[in-house]
Amino acid sequence: MISEDGKKTFIQHVVVPSQKEIESLILGRKKALLFEKYVGSSSG
């Protein structure tokens, strides 16, 4: 989020994921990290 104008013109040429898609991606990443933490620590 450095320059709004530059970003807006750039976005027109790229398929931008919706807010929900981004949120689900972030959630999935967090869940995977937590899962790795618990599984990794419990398995030694």
PDB file of N, CA and C in Angstrom:
ATOM      1  N   MET A   1       0.854  -1.200   0.000  1.00  0.00           N
ATOM      2  CA  MET A   1       0.000   0.000   0.000  1.00  0.00           C
ATOM      3  C   MET A   1       0.886   1.244   0.000  1.00  0.00           C
ATOM      4  N   ILE A   2       1.775   1.338  -0.956  1.00  0.00           N
ATOM      5  CA  ILE A   2       2.674   2.495  -1.020  1.00  0.00           C
ATOM      6  C   ILE A   2       1.997   3.619  -1.798  1.00  0.00           C
ATOM      7  N   SER A   3       1.596   3.340  -3.031  1.00  0.00           N
ATOM      8  CA  SER A   3       0.933   4.383  -3.817  1.00  0.00           C
ATOM      9  C   SER A   3      -0.400   3.874  -4.333  1.00  0.00           C
ATOM     10  N   GLU A   4      -1.459   4.584  -4.004  1.00  0.00           N
ATOM     11  CA  GLU A   4      -2.800   4.171  -4.406  1.00  0.00           C
ATOM     12  C   GLU A   4      -2.935   4.173  -5.927  1.00  0.00           C
ATOM     13  N   ASP A   5      -2.508   5.245  -6.571  1.00  0.00           N
ATOM     14  CA  ASP A   5      -2.632   5.347  -8.026  1.00  0.00           C
ATOM     15  C   ASP A   5      -1.898   4.207  -8.722  1.00  0.00           C
ATOM     16  N   GLY A   6      -0.659   4.016  -8.365  1.00  0.00           N
ATOM     17  CA  GLY A   6       0.133   2.961  -8.988  1.00  0.00           C
ATOM     18  C   GLY A   6      -0.512   1.602  -8.788  1.00  0.00           C
ATOM     19  N   LYS A   7      -1.044   1.394  -7.602  1.00  0.00           N
ATOM     20  CA  LYS A   7      -1.661   0.113  -7.285  1.00  0.00           C
ATOM     21  C   LYS A   7      -2.921  -0.090  -8.127  1.00  0.00           C
ATOM     22  N   LYS A   8      -3.748   0.937  -8.208  1.00  0.00           N
ATOM     23  CA  LYS A   8      -5.013   0.809  -8.941  1.00  0.00           C
ATOM     24  C   LYS A   8      -4.756   0.497 -10.417  1.00  0.00           C
ATOM     25  N   THR A   9      -3.813   1.193 -11.041  1.00  0.00           N
ATOM     26  CA  THR A   9      -3.542   0.941 -12.450  1.00  0.00           C
ATOM     27  C   THR A   9      -2.935  -0.444 -12.637  1.00  0.00           C
ATOM     28  N   PHE A  10      -2.152  -0.886 -11.683  1.00  0.00           N
ATOM     29  CA  PHE A  10      -1.510  -2.198 -11.767  1.00  0.00           C
ATOM     30  C   PHE A  10      -2.544  -3.298 -11.622  1.00  0.00           C
ATOM     31  N   ILE A  11      -3.493  -3.098 -10.702  1.00  0.00           N
ATOM     32  CA  ILE A  11      -4.515  -4.108 -10.416  1.00  0.00           C
ATOM     33  C   ILE A  11      -5.351  -4.420 -11.659  1.00  0.00           C
ATOM     34  N   GLN A  12      -5.569  -3.441 -12.509  1.00  0.00           N
ATOM     35  CA  GLN A  12      -6.407  -3.647 -13.691  1.00  0.00           C
ATOM     36  C   GLN A  12      -5.845  -4.748 -14.592  1.00  0.00           C
ATOM     37  N   HIS A  13      -4.537  -4.972 -14.545  1.00  0.00           N
ATOM     38  CA  HIS A  13      -3.920  -5.966 -15.423  1.00  0.00           C
ATOM     39  C   HIS A  13      -3.764  -7.321 -14.739  1.00  0.00           C
ATOM     40  N   VAL A  14      -4.183  -7.403 -13.483  1.00  0.00           N
ATOM     41  CA  VAL A  14      -3.983  -8.639 -12.724  1.00  0.00           C
ATOM     42  C   VAL A  14      -5.310  -9.105 -12.145  1.00  0.00           C
ATOM     43  N   VAL A  15      -5.477 -10.413 -12.068  1.00  0.00           N
ATOM     44  CA  VAL A  15      -6.678 -10.955 -11.435  1.00  0.00           C
ATOM     45  C   VAL A  15      -6.477 -10.880  -9.927  1.00  0.00           C
ATOM     46  N   VAL A  16      -7.283 -10.049  -9.289  1.00  0.00           N
ATOM     47  CA  VAL A  16      -7.104  -9.831  -7.855  1.00  0.00           C
ATOM     48  C   VAL A  16      -8.075 -10.700  -7.069  1.00  0.00           C
ATOM     49  N   PRO A  17      -7.564 -11.490  -6.122  1.00  0.00           N
ATOM     50  CA  PRO A  17      -8.446 -12.295  -5.280  1.00  0.00           C
ATOM     51  C   PRO A  17      -9.302 -11.412  -4.402  1.00  0.00           C
ATOM     52  N   SER A  18     -10.509 -11.863  -4.128  1.00  0.00           N
ATOM     53  CA  SER A  18     -11.418 -11.078  -3.292  1.00  0.00           C
ATOM     54  C   SER A  18     -10.941 -11.083  -1.846  1.00  0.00           C
ATOM     55  N   GLN A  19     -11.519 -10.180  -1.049  1.00  0.00           N
ATOM     56  CA  GLN A  19     -11.123 -10.079   0.362  1.00  0.00           C
ATOM     57  C   GLN A  19     -11.320 -11.413   1.073  1.00  0.00           C
ATOM     58  N   LYS A  20     -12.428 -12.086   0.761  1.00  0.00           N
ATOM     59  CA  LYS A  20     -12.715 -13.369   1.427  1.00  0.00           C
ATOM     60  C   LYS A  20     -11.665 -14.406   1.052  1.00  0.00           C
ATOM     61  N   GLU A  21     -11.270 -14.426  -0.215  1.00  0.00           N
ATOM     62  CA  GLU A  21     -10.251 -15.392  -0.643  1.00  0.00           C
ATOM     63  C   GLU A  21      -8.944 -15.160   0.098  1.00  0.00           C
ATOM     64  N   ILE A  22      -8.582 -13.865   0.217  1.00  0.00           N
ATOM     65  CA  ILE A  22      -7.342 -13.518   0.922  1.00  0.00           C
ATOM     66  C   ILE A  22      -7.440 -13.939   2.377  1.00  0.00           C
ATOM     67  N   GLU A  23      -8.586 -13.650   3.002  1.00  0.00           N
ATOM     68  CA  GLU A  23      -8.768 -13.998   4.415  1.00  0.00           C
ATOM     69  C   GLU A  23      -8.665 -15.502   4.622  1.00  0.00           C
ATOM     70  N   SER A  24      -9.300 -16.265   3.729  1.00  0.00           N
ATOM     71  CA  SER A  24      -9.258 -17.725   3.880  1.00  0.00           C
ATOM     72  C   SER A  24      -7.832 -18.239   3.677  1.00  0.00           C
ATOM     73  N   LEU A  25      -7.093 -17.596   2.764  1.00  0.00           N
ATOM     74  CA  LEU A  25      -5.700 -17.986   2.548  1.00  0.00           C
ATOM     75  C   LEU A  25      -4.884 -17.760   3.807  1.00  0.00           C
ATOM     76  N   ILE A  26      -5.057 -16.569   4.401  1.00  0.00           N
ATOM     77  CA  ILE A  26      -4.310 -16.225   5.618  1.00  0.00           C
ATOM     78  C   ILE A  26      -4.693 -17.177   6.746  1.00  0.00           C
ATOM     79  N   LEU A  27      -6.000 -17.446   6.874  1.00  0.00           N
ATOM     80  CA  LEU A  27      -6.464 -18.360   7.925  1.00  0.00           C
ATOM     81  C   LEU A  27      -5.854 -19.741   7.716  1.00  0.00           C
ATOM     82  N   GLY A  28      -5.884 -20.215   6.489  1.00  0.00           N
ATOM     83  CA  GLY A  28      -5.322 -21.527   6.190  1.00  0.00           C
ATOM     84  C   GLY A  28      -3.845 -21.590   6.537  1.00  0.00           C
ATOM     85  N   ARG A  29      -3.134 -20.500   6.244  1.00  0.00           N
ATOM     86  CA  ARG A  29      -1.705 -20.458   6.534  1.00  0.00           C
ATOM     87  C   ARG A  29      -1.467 -20.510   8.036  1.00  0.00           C
ATOM     88  N   LYS A  30      -2.281 -19.738   8.769  1.00  0.00           N
ATOM     89  CA  LYS A  30      -2.142 -19.708  10.231  1.00  0.00           C
ATOM     90  C   LYS A  30      -2.438 -21.088  10.810  1.00  0.00           C
ATOM     91  N   LYS A  31      -3.495 -21.722  10.316  1.00  0.00           N
ATOM     92  CA  LYS A  31      -3.858 -23.053  10.814  1.00  0.00           C
ATOM     93  C   LYS A  31      -2.726 -24.036  10.542  1.00  0.00           C
ATOM     94  N   ALA A  32      -2.150 -23.965   9.347  1.00  0.00           N
ATOM     95  CA  ALA A  32      -1.063 -24.875   8.995  1.00  0.00           C
ATOM     96  C   ALA A  32       0.129 -24.660   9.915  1.00  0.00           C
ATOM     97  N   LEU A  33       0.433 -23.392  10.208  1.00  0.00           N
ATOM     98  CA  LEU A  33       1.559 -23.088  11.097  1.00  0.00           C
ATOM     99  C   LEU A  33       1.294 -23.632  12.489  1.00  0.00           C
ATOM    100  N   LEU A  34       0.086 -23.395  13.010  1.00  0.00           N
ATOM    101  CA  LEU A  34      -0.269 -23.897  14.340  1.00  0.00           C
ATOM    102  C   LEU A  34      -0.190 -25.418  14.359  1.00  0.00           C
ATOM    103  N   PHE A  35      -0.734 -26.052  13.315  1.00  0.00           N
ATOM    104  CA  PHE A  35      -0.726 -27.506  13.224  1.00  0.00           C
ATOM    105  C   PHE A  35       0.708 -28.029  13.264  1.00  0.00           C
ATOM    106  N   GLU A  36       1.586 -27.402  12.474  1.00  0.00           N
ATOM    107  CA  GLU A  36       2.991 -27.814  12.450  1.00  0.00           C
ATOM    108  C   GLU A  36       3.614 -27.674  13.829  1.00  0.00           C
ATOM    109  N   LYS A  37       3.302 -26.561  14.495  1.00  0.00           N
ATOM    110  CA  LYS A  37       3.855 -26.310  15.838  1.00  0.00           C
ATOM    111  C   LYS A  37       3.464 -27.447  16.778  1.00  0.00           C
ATOM    112  N   TYR A  38       2.150 -27.738  16.840  1.00  0.00           N
ATOM    113  CA  TYR A  38       1.667 -28.749  17.785  1.00  0.00           C
ATOM    114  C   TYR A  38       2.167 -30.138  17.409  1.00  0.00           C
ATOM    115  N   VAL A  39       2.047 -30.485  16.150  1.00  0.00           N
ATOM    116  CA  VAL A  39       2.474 -31.818  15.715  1.00  0.00           C
ATOM    117  C   VAL A  39       3.983 -31.972  15.878  1.00  0.00           C
ATOM    118  N   GLY A  40       4.723 -30.924  15.492  1.00  0.00           N
ATOM    119  CA  GLY A  40       6.184 -30.982  15.598  1.00  0.00           C
ATOM    120  C   GLY A  40       6.634 -31.126  17.034  1.00  0.00           C
ATOM    121  N   SER A  41       6.005 -30.384  17.954  1.00  0.00           N
ATOM    122  CA  SER A  41       6.426 -30.421  19.361  1.00  0.00           C
ATOM    123  C   SER A  41       5.997 -31.731  20.021  1.00  0.00           C
ATOM    124  N   SER A  42       4.839 -32.249  19.647  1.00  0.00           N
ATOM    125  CA  SER A  42       4.338 -33.471  20.289  1.00  0.00           C
ATOM    126  C   SER A  42       5.106 -34.695  19.793  1.00  0.00           C
ATOM    127  N   SER A  43       5.577 -34.659  18.552  1.00  0.00           N
ATOM    128  CA  SER A  43       6.303 -35.805  18.010  1.00  0.00           C
ATOM    129  C   SER A  43       7.776 -35.755  18.400  1.00  0.00           C
ATOM    130  N   GLY A  44       8.230 -34.663  19.020  1.00  0.00           N
ATOM    131  CA  GLY A  44       9.583 -34.582  19.503  1.00  0.00           C
ATOM    132  C   GLY A  44      10.431 -33.672  18.658  1.00  0.00           C
TER     133      GLY A  44
END
